[in-house]
Each structure stands twice: as structure tokens, then as C-alpha cells.
Amino acid sequence: MKERGMIFNAEMVKALLDGRKTQTRRPVKPQPNISYFPKRIPEGWNGSFSVDGGKSFKCPFGVVGDRIWVRETFWLVDSWAMGDIPCVLYADEFEKYQDEGWQCYQSYDFWSKRAYHGKYTFGCKPSIHMPRWASRITLEITDVRVDRVQDISYSDAYAEGVERKSGDCLDHFMEFKRGNSIRAFEMGWNSIYNNWDDNPWVWVVEFKVAL
């Protein structure tokens, strides 16, 4: 079993914490210049396979049984409860920290589990700079396959974190709203990669929260 870090934005972290997100799609790099890919990874797959003339493709995120630790935006803050030792807060917690002050964070037990281990300055840290020790979510890969991004199903779009809001009867994905889950996912995908119309090959990684 191997562990690898993977970046998730704040909306997708919330979907993970809510239990709504069990899949992620990431572009195959480089894109294969072929019309066909074996969508289901062969049984006993060791992480790479060959198509069209023996060119090898390997999923950079791991194989079934490997683990992904979530990289997300985080803050280092100063805690008098721990003798001014810097501690970690995450996006959802930092909002509470700003709104409510220290009232909900004055537990020594809370801070002792979040004590800072290295040399960082205080403030907001981008997800790419999150070290392993600061990650709060670990995922276990349950399936890996390849697909075209436009082949996503309605149910898979919900598994990507699309949420149906009863108030407006629309599907929401990040800040986008549309009448069905695929269209909402399309807009979110384009906000990151801007290549939906190219219909790129993607790695589809399914996972569960590791215990």
C-alpha cells in the first residue's frame, strides 16, 4: 500500500466531509492520441497498462488499496491554550474561528491533536503546501478506471459531489447551478480545466474514507 497526496478545493472537501463525494476525475497526462482505451482496468493490474503500439499509461494516483491523503487550504493560527504554539485550522473551522472567536476552540484536547510540527509562518497556506501531518482526511482507493469526461453518468456526477438543493430544485456543483447533475459538473469542470468540449480521457478514482 502506498500513500499519495491529492489536492481538493474547499467545496470538494466539504462534499467529502458530508459523505457526498466518492469519486474524482483527473485528466490523463499526456492525453493518448487514440480513440479507444480499455475502460475497466484488467484484474491484477499493477498500475500501468499498454495500448496502441505498446505505449504505457500509469495512474499517478495509485491502485486499489492505496491511500490518498487530502491536501486542502489550511491556516496556522496562534493558540494561547497551547502556550502560543501554532496550530492547524481548516477552511470550515477557520470560518467559525473568525465568527465566534476562541469560544469553540478553548479545549486543550482539541489543540493538542492539532499542534504544529514544523517551521511555517502564521496565516493561510495553499493546498499544494500542505504537509502530510496536517491532513485530516485519508481516502482508500476502491476502483480505478479510465473514461471520457463526457461519458459521466448522472449518478456518477452526484458521486463527484454534485448536490440537489430542494429550495431551487437545481443541482449545485461548487458555485454553479444547473437543471441536472451532468450540466452542473460540466461547468465546474470547465472552471478548472476548460476542456469539456475536447472530451479528454480521465482517470476515474473511486474511494471511501479510510478508517
C-alpha atoms as a PDB file:
ATOM      1  CA  MET A   1       0.000   0.000   0.000  1.00  0.00           C
ATOM      2  CA  LYS A   2       1.229   3.450  -0.926  1.00  0.00           C
ATOM      3  CA  GLU A   3       0.011   6.910   0.102  1.00  0.00           C
ATOM      4  CA  ARG A   4      -0.124   9.937  -2.168  1.00  0.00           C
ATOM      5  CA  GLY A   5      -1.348  13.486  -1.662  1.00  0.00           C
ATOM      6  CA  MET A   6      -4.138  14.908  -3.831  1.00  0.00           C
ATOM      7  CA  ILE A   7      -5.451  18.482  -3.928  1.00  0.00           C
ATOM      8  CA  PHE A   8      -9.158  19.131  -3.329  1.00  0.00           C
ATOM      9  CA  ASN A   9     -10.736  22.586  -3.276  1.00  0.00           C
ATOM     10  CA  ALA A  10     -12.844  23.771  -0.343  1.00  0.00           C
ATOM     11  CA  GLU A  11     -16.182  22.792  -1.903  1.00  0.00           C
ATOM     12  CA  MET A  12     -14.979  19.284  -2.613  1.00  0.00           C
ATOM     13  CA  VAL A  13     -13.557  18.916   0.900  1.00  0.00           C
ATOM     14  CA  LYS A  14     -16.989  19.803   2.241  1.00  0.00           C
ATOM     15  CA  ALA A  15     -18.529  17.163  -0.038  1.00  0.00           C
ATOM     16  CA  LEU A  16     -16.027  14.612   1.305  1.00  0.00           C
ATOM     17  CA  LEU A  17     -16.875  15.520   4.894  1.00  0.00           C
ATOM     18  CA  ASP A  18     -20.604  15.317   4.110  1.00  0.00           C
ATOM     19  CA  GLY A  19     -20.133  11.856   2.565  1.00  0.00           C
ATOM     20  CA  ARG A  20     -21.375  13.033  -0.853  1.00  0.00           C
ATOM     21  CA  LYS A  21     -18.123  12.674  -2.784  1.00  0.00           C
ATOM     22  CA  THR A  22     -16.863   9.169  -3.537  1.00  0.00           C
ATOM     23  CA  GLN A  23     -15.260   9.750  -6.954  1.00  0.00           C
ATOM     24  CA  THR A  24     -12.821  12.152  -8.538  1.00  0.00           C
ATOM     25  CA  ARG A  25     -11.892  12.631 -12.190  1.00  0.00           C
ATOM     26  CA  ARG A  26      -8.471  13.884 -13.212  1.00  0.00           C
ATOM     27  CA  PRO A  27      -7.137  14.285 -16.780  1.00  0.00           C
ATOM     28  CA  VAL A  28      -4.807  11.618 -18.156  1.00  0.00           C
ATOM     29  CA  LYS A  29      -1.440  13.277 -18.820  1.00  0.00           C
ATOM     30  CA  PRO A  30      -0.337  13.253 -21.542  1.00  0.00           C
ATOM     31  CA  GLN A  31      -3.569  12.662 -23.400  1.00  0.00           C
ATOM     32  CA  PRO A  32      -3.356   9.478 -25.523  1.00  0.00           C
ATOM     33  CA  ASN A  33      -3.709  10.024 -29.240  1.00  0.00           C
ATOM     34  CA  ILE A  34      -6.133   7.133 -29.602  1.00  0.00           C
ATOM     35  CA  SER A  35      -9.858   6.583 -29.983  1.00  0.00           C
ATOM     36  CA  TYR A  36     -10.110   3.632 -27.616  1.00  0.00           C
ATOM     37  CA  PHE A  37      -8.948   2.988 -24.073  1.00  0.00           C
ATOM     38  CA  PRO A  38      -9.658  -0.160 -22.020  1.00  0.00           C
ATOM     39  CA  LYS A  39     -12.106   1.438 -19.611  1.00  0.00           C
ATOM     40  CA  ARG A  40     -12.027  -1.267 -16.980  1.00  0.00           C
ATOM     41  CA  ILE A  41      -8.578  -1.857 -15.590  1.00  0.00           C
ATOM     42  CA  PRO A  42      -7.617  -5.533 -16.021  1.00  0.00           C
ATOM     43  CA  GLU A  43      -7.778  -7.761 -12.936  1.00  0.00           C
ATOM     44  CA  GLY A  44      -4.393  -7.964 -11.259  1.00  0.00           C
ATOM     45  CA  TRP A  45      -3.436  -4.613 -12.761  1.00  0.00           C
ATOM     46  CA  ASN A  46      -0.157  -3.373 -11.320  1.00  0.00           C
ATOM     47  CA  GLY A  47      -0.717   0.294 -12.021  1.00  0.00           C
ATOM     48  CA  SER A  48       0.158   0.515 -15.715  1.00  0.00           C
ATOM     49  CA  PHE A  49      -1.082  -0.935 -18.964  1.00  0.00           C
ATOM     50  CA  SER A  50      -0.309  -0.592 -22.665  1.00  0.00           C
ATOM     51  CA  VAL A  51      -2.406   0.442 -25.638  1.00  0.00           C
ATOM     52  CA  ASP A  52      -1.708   1.214 -29.293  1.00  0.00           C
ATOM     53  CA  GLY A  53       1.778   0.060 -30.074  1.00  0.00           C
ATOM     54  CA  GLY A  54       2.780  -0.686 -26.501  1.00  0.00           C
ATOM     55  CA  LYS A  55       2.655   2.847 -25.062  1.00  0.00           C
ATOM     56  CA  SER A  56       2.353   2.552 -21.308  1.00  0.00           C
ATOM     57  CA  PHE A  57      -0.087   4.519 -19.159  1.00  0.00           C
ATOM     58  CA  LYS A  58       0.056   4.518 -15.379  1.00  0.00           C
ATOM     59  CA  CYS A  59      -2.409   6.108 -12.987  1.00  0.00           C
ATOM     60  CA  PRO A  60      -0.404   8.584 -10.871  1.00  0.00           C
ATOM     61  CA  PHE A  61      -2.930   8.389  -8.028  1.00  0.00           C
ATOM     62  CA  GLY A  62      -2.461   4.717  -7.176  1.00  0.00           C
ATOM     63  CA  VAL A  63      -4.235   1.392  -7.445  1.00  0.00           C
ATOM     64  CA  VAL A  64      -6.999  -0.304  -5.476  1.00  0.00           C
ATOM     65  CA  GLY A  65      -5.990  -0.476  -1.822  1.00  0.00           C
ATOM     66  CA  ASP A  66      -3.651   2.533  -1.977  1.00  0.00           C
ATOM     67  CA  ARG A  67      -4.480   5.630   0.032  1.00  0.00           C
ATOM     68  CA  ILE A  68      -4.871   9.297  -0.828  1.00  0.00           C
ATOM     69  CA  TRP A  69      -4.359  11.968   1.780  1.00  0.00           C
ATOM     70  CA  VAL A  70      -6.305  15.130   1.078  1.00  0.00           C
ATOM     71  CA  ARG A  71      -4.440  18.364   0.529  1.00  0.00           C
ATOM     72  CA  GLU A  72      -6.575  21.417   1.242  1.00  0.00           C
ATOM     73  CA  THR A  73      -6.152  25.075   2.090  1.00  0.00           C
ATOM     74  CA  PHE A  74      -5.276  25.487   5.764  1.00  0.00           C
ATOM     75  CA  TRP A  75      -4.341  28.137   8.279  1.00  0.00           C
ATOM     76  CA  LEU A  76      -1.720  28.260  11.011  1.00  0.00           C
ATOM     77  CA  VAL A  77      -3.015  30.236  13.970  1.00  0.00           C
ATOM     78  CA  ASP A  78      -1.625  31.214  17.356  1.00  0.00           C
ATOM     79  CA  SER A  79      -3.230  29.435  20.317  1.00  0.00           C
ATOM     80  CA  TRP A  80      -2.857  30.743  23.849  1.00  0.00           C
ATOM     81  CA  ALA A  81      -4.464  27.474  25.009  1.00  0.00           C
ATOM     82  CA  MET A  82      -1.303  25.666  23.895  1.00  0.00           C
ATOM     83  CA  GLY A  83       1.150  28.269  25.118  1.00  0.00           C
ATOM     84  CA  ASP A  84       1.227  30.136  21.799  1.00  0.00           C
ATOM     85  CA  ILE A  85       2.123  27.025  19.794  1.00  0.00           C
ATOM     86  CA  PRO A  86       0.911  27.393  16.192  1.00  0.00           C
ATOM     87  CA  CYS A  87      -1.943  25.042  15.359  1.00  0.00           C
ATOM     88  CA  VAL A  88      -3.847  23.998  12.240  1.00  0.00           C
ATOM     89  CA  LEU A  89      -7.310  25.169  11.220  1.00  0.00           C
ATOM     90  CA  TYR A  90      -9.153  24.137   8.057  1.00  0.00           C
ATOM     91  CA  ALA A  91     -11.489  26.242   5.920  1.00  0.00           C
ATOM     92  CA  ASP A  92     -14.740  25.288   7.659  1.00  0.00           C
ATOM     93  CA  GLU A  93     -13.138  25.654  11.094  1.00  0.00           C
ATOM     94  CA  PHE A  94     -11.474  28.950  10.227  1.00  0.00           C
ATOM     95  CA  GLU A  95     -14.860  30.434   9.376  1.00  0.00           C
ATOM     96  CA  LYS A  96     -16.065  29.511  12.873  1.00  0.00           C
ATOM     97  CA  TYR A  97     -12.853  30.848  14.332  1.00  0.00           C
ATOM     98  CA  GLN A  98     -13.480  34.199  12.674  1.00  0.00           C
ATOM     99  CA  ASP A  99     -17.185  34.303  13.531  1.00  0.00           C
ATOM    100  CA  GLU A 100     -17.071  33.020  17.109  1.00  0.00           C
ATOM    101  CA  GLY A 101     -13.605  33.808  18.373  1.00  0.00           C
ATOM    102  CA  TRP A 102     -11.998  31.308  20.721  1.00  0.00           C
ATOM    103  CA  GLN A 103     -15.175  30.111  22.435  1.00  0.00           C
ATOM    104  CA  CYS A 104     -15.396  26.883  20.440  1.00  0.00           C
ATOM    105  CA  TYR A 105     -11.616  26.225  20.441  1.00  0.00           C
ATOM    106  CA  GLN A 106     -10.583  26.552  24.063  1.00  0.00           C
ATOM    107  CA  SER A 107     -10.230  22.807  24.630  1.00  0.00           C
ATOM    108  CA  TYR A 108      -6.675  21.686  25.354  1.00  0.00           C
ATOM    109  CA  ASP A 109      -7.558  18.279  23.904  1.00  0.00           C
ATOM    110  CA  PHE A 110      -8.620  19.896  20.603  1.00  0.00           C
ATOM    111  CA  TRP A 111      -5.419  21.857  20.244  1.00  0.00           C
ATOM    112  CA  SER A 112      -3.135  19.049  21.406  1.00  0.00           C
ATOM    113  CA  LYS A 113      -4.256  17.000  18.383  1.00  0.00           C
ATOM    114  CA  ARG A 114      -3.529  19.884  16.035  1.00  0.00           C
ATOM    115  CA  ALA A 115      -0.179  21.081  17.371  1.00  0.00           C
ATOM    116  CA  TYR A 116       2.120  22.398  14.674  1.00  0.00           C
ATOM    117  CA  HIS A 117       5.224  20.316  13.888  1.00  0.00           C
ATOM    118  CA  GLY A 118       7.429  22.483  11.689  1.00  0.00           C
ATOM    119  CA  LYS A 119       8.624  25.928  10.705  1.00  0.00           C
ATOM    120  CA  TYR A 120       5.872  27.882   8.978  1.00  0.00           C
ATOM    121  CA  THR A 121       4.772  31.470   9.340  1.00  0.00           C
ATOM    122  CA  PHE A 122       1.239  32.139  10.565  1.00  0.00           C
ATOM    123  CA  GLY A 123      -1.571  32.654   8.083  1.00  0.00           C
ATOM    124  CA  CYS A 124      -3.285  30.985   5.133  1.00  0.00           C
ATOM    125  CA  LYS A 125      -1.404  28.194   3.361  1.00  0.00           C
ATOM    126  CA  PRO A 126      -2.351  26.930  -0.125  1.00  0.00           C
ATOM    127  CA  SER A 127      -3.266  23.284  -0.500  1.00  0.00           C
ATOM    128  CA  ILE A 128      -0.153  22.498  -2.558  1.00  0.00           C
ATOM    129  CA  HIS A 129       1.947  23.294   0.531  1.00  0.00           C
ATOM    130  CA  MET A 130       0.003  21.103   2.967  1.00  0.00           C
ATOM    131  CA  PRO A 131       2.337  18.536   4.579  1.00  0.00           C
ATOM    132  CA  ARG A 132       1.169  15.006   5.342  1.00  0.00           C
ATOM    133  CA  TRP A 133       0.967  15.605   9.091  1.00  0.00           C
ATOM    134  CA  ALA A 134      -1.567  18.424   8.617  1.00  0.00           C
ATOM    135  CA  SER A 135      -4.019  16.401   6.505  1.00  0.00           C
ATOM    136  CA  ARG A 136      -7.251  15.433   8.274  1.00  0.00           C
ATOM    137  CA  ILE A 137      -8.821  13.174   5.601  1.00  0.00           C
ATOM    138  CA  THR A 138      -7.403   9.933   4.216  1.00  0.00           C
ATOM    139  CA  LEU A 139      -9.161   8.052   1.407  1.00  0.00           C
ATOM    140  CA  GLU A 140      -8.778   4.421   0.371  1.00  0.00           C
ATOM    141  CA  ILE A 141      -8.993   3.703  -3.378  1.00  0.00           C
ATOM    142  CA  THR A 142     -11.699   1.154  -4.201  1.00  0.00           C
ATOM    143  CA  ASP A 143     -11.629   1.334  -8.015  1.00  0.00           C
ATOM    144  CA  VAL A 144      -9.619   2.932 -10.829  1.00  0.00           C
ATOM    145  CA  ARG A 145     -10.717   3.173 -14.445  1.00  0.00           C
ATOM    146  CA  VAL A 146     -10.338   5.401 -17.483  1.00  0.00           C
ATOM    147  CA  ASP A 147     -13.156   7.159 -19.258  1.00  0.00           C
ATOM    148  CA  ARG A 148     -14.008  10.144 -21.410  1.00  0.00           C
ATOM    149  CA  VAL A 149     -15.148  13.024 -19.245  1.00  0.00           C
ATOM    150  CA  GLN A 150     -18.385  13.450 -21.221  1.00  0.00           C
ATOM    151  CA  ASP A 151     -19.298   9.806 -20.541  1.00  0.00           C
ATOM    152  CA  ILE A 152     -20.050  10.632 -16.918  1.00  0.00           C
ATOM    153  CA  SER A 153     -23.496   9.429 -15.816  1.00  0.00           C
ATOM    154  CA  TYR A 154     -26.000  11.333 -13.705  1.00  0.00           C
ATOM    155  CA  SER A 155     -25.284   9.087 -10.728  1.00  0.00           C
ATOM    156  CA  ASP A 156     -21.524   9.477 -11.178  1.00  0.00           C
ATOM    157  CA  ALA A 157     -21.937  13.259 -11.229  1.00  0.00           C
ATOM    158  CA  TYR A 158     -23.643  13.041  -7.840  1.00  0.00           C
ATOM    159  CA  ALA A 159     -20.784  10.808  -6.663  1.00  0.00           C
ATOM    160  CA  GLU A 160     -18.440  13.621  -7.741  1.00  0.00           C
ATOM    161  CA  GLY A 161     -20.128  15.866  -5.183  1.00  0.00           C
ATOM    162  CA  VAL A 162     -22.970  17.454  -7.143  1.00  0.00           C
ATOM    163  CA  GLU A 163     -25.804  18.230  -4.726  1.00  0.00           C
ATOM    164  CA  ARG A 164     -29.513  18.662  -5.385  1.00  0.00           C
ATOM    165  CA  LYS A 165     -30.860  21.683  -3.496  1.00  0.00           C
ATOM    166  CA  SER A 166     -34.557  21.342  -2.723  1.00  0.00           C
ATOM    167  CA  GLY A 167     -35.042  25.089  -2.372  1.00  0.00           C
ATOM    168  CA  ASP A 168     -34.486  25.874  -6.049  1.00  0.00           C
ATOM    169  CA  CYS A 169     -34.722  22.303  -7.427  1.00  0.00           C
ATOM    170  CA  LEU A 170     -31.366  22.709  -9.132  1.00  0.00           C
ATOM    171  CA  ASP A 171     -28.140  20.734  -8.954  1.00  0.00           C
ATOM    172  CA  HIS A 172     -25.221  22.592  -7.393  1.00  0.00           C
ATOM    173  CA  PHE A 173     -21.530  21.945  -8.043  1.00  0.00           C
ATOM    174  CA  MET A 174     -19.101  24.392  -6.482  1.00  0.00           C
ATOM    175  CA  GLU A 175     -20.668  27.782  -7.255  1.00  0.00           C
ATOM    176  CA  PHE A 176     -22.564  26.574 -10.329  1.00  0.00           C
ATOM    177  CA  LYS A 177     -26.263  25.710 -10.630  1.00  0.00           C
ATOM    178  CA  ARG A 178     -27.913  23.758 -13.408  1.00  0.00           C
ATOM    179  CA  GLY A 179     -31.010  21.668 -14.015  1.00  0.00           C
ATOM    180  CA  ASN A 180     -29.208  18.313 -13.943  1.00  0.00           C
ATOM    181  CA  SER A 181     -26.111  16.875 -12.345  1.00  0.00           C
ATOM    182  CA  ILE A 182     -24.077  16.440 -15.548  1.00  0.00           C
ATOM    183  CA  ARG A 183     -24.527  20.052 -16.629  1.00  0.00           C
ATOM    184  CA  ALA A 184     -23.590  21.289 -13.165  1.00  0.00           C
ATOM    185  CA  PHE A 185     -20.494  19.075 -13.197  1.00  0.00           C
ATOM    186  CA  GLU A 186     -19.592  20.296 -16.702  1.00  0.00           C
ATOM    187  CA  MET A 187     -19.498  23.914 -15.546  1.00  0.00           C
ATOM    188  CA  GLY A 188     -17.397  23.030 -12.511  1.00  0.00           C
ATOM    189  CA  TRP A 189     -15.014  21.010 -14.678  1.00  0.00           C
ATOM    190  CA  ASN A 190     -14.592  23.888 -17.128  1.00  0.00           C
ATOM    191  CA  SER A 191     -13.878  26.308 -14.284  1.00  0.00           C
ATOM    192  CA  ILE A 192     -10.787  24.206 -13.519  1.00  0.00           C
ATOM    193  CA  TYR A 193      -9.697  22.644 -16.835  1.00  0.00           C
ATOM    194  CA  ASN A 194     -11.703  24.485 -19.529  1.00  0.00           C
ATOM    195  CA  ASN A 195     -11.643  21.487 -21.881  1.00  0.00           C
ATOM    196  CA  TRP A 196     -15.040  19.786 -21.585  1.00  0.00           C
ATOM    197  CA  ASP A 197     -15.683  20.186 -25.323  1.00  0.00           C
ATOM    198  CA  ASP A 198     -12.411  18.362 -26.059  1.00  0.00           C
ATOM    199  CA  ASN A 199     -13.835  15.346 -24.180  1.00  0.00           C
ATOM    200  CA  PRO A 200     -10.463  14.363 -22.659  1.00  0.00           C
ATOM    201  CA  TRP A 201      -9.608  10.957 -21.254  1.00  0.00           C
ATOM    202  CA  VAL A 202      -9.728  11.000 -17.464  1.00  0.00           C
ATOM    203  CA  TRP A 203      -8.702   8.786 -14.601  1.00  0.00           C
ATOM    204  CA  VAL A 204     -11.796   7.922 -12.563  1.00  0.00           C
ATOM    205  CA  VAL A 205     -10.751   7.181  -8.996  1.00  0.00           C
ATOM    206  CA  GLU A 206     -13.364   5.833  -6.600  1.00  0.00           C
ATOM    207  CA  PHE A 207     -12.696   5.788  -2.870  1.00  0.00           C
ATOM    208  CA  LYS A 208     -14.021   5.528   0.636  1.00  0.00           C
ATOM    209  CA  VAL A 209     -12.892   7.315   3.760  1.00  0.00           C
ATOM    210  CA  ALA A 210     -10.132   5.222   5.356  1.00  0.00           C
ATOM    211  CA  LEU A 211     -10.687   4.164   8.957  1.00  0.00           C
END
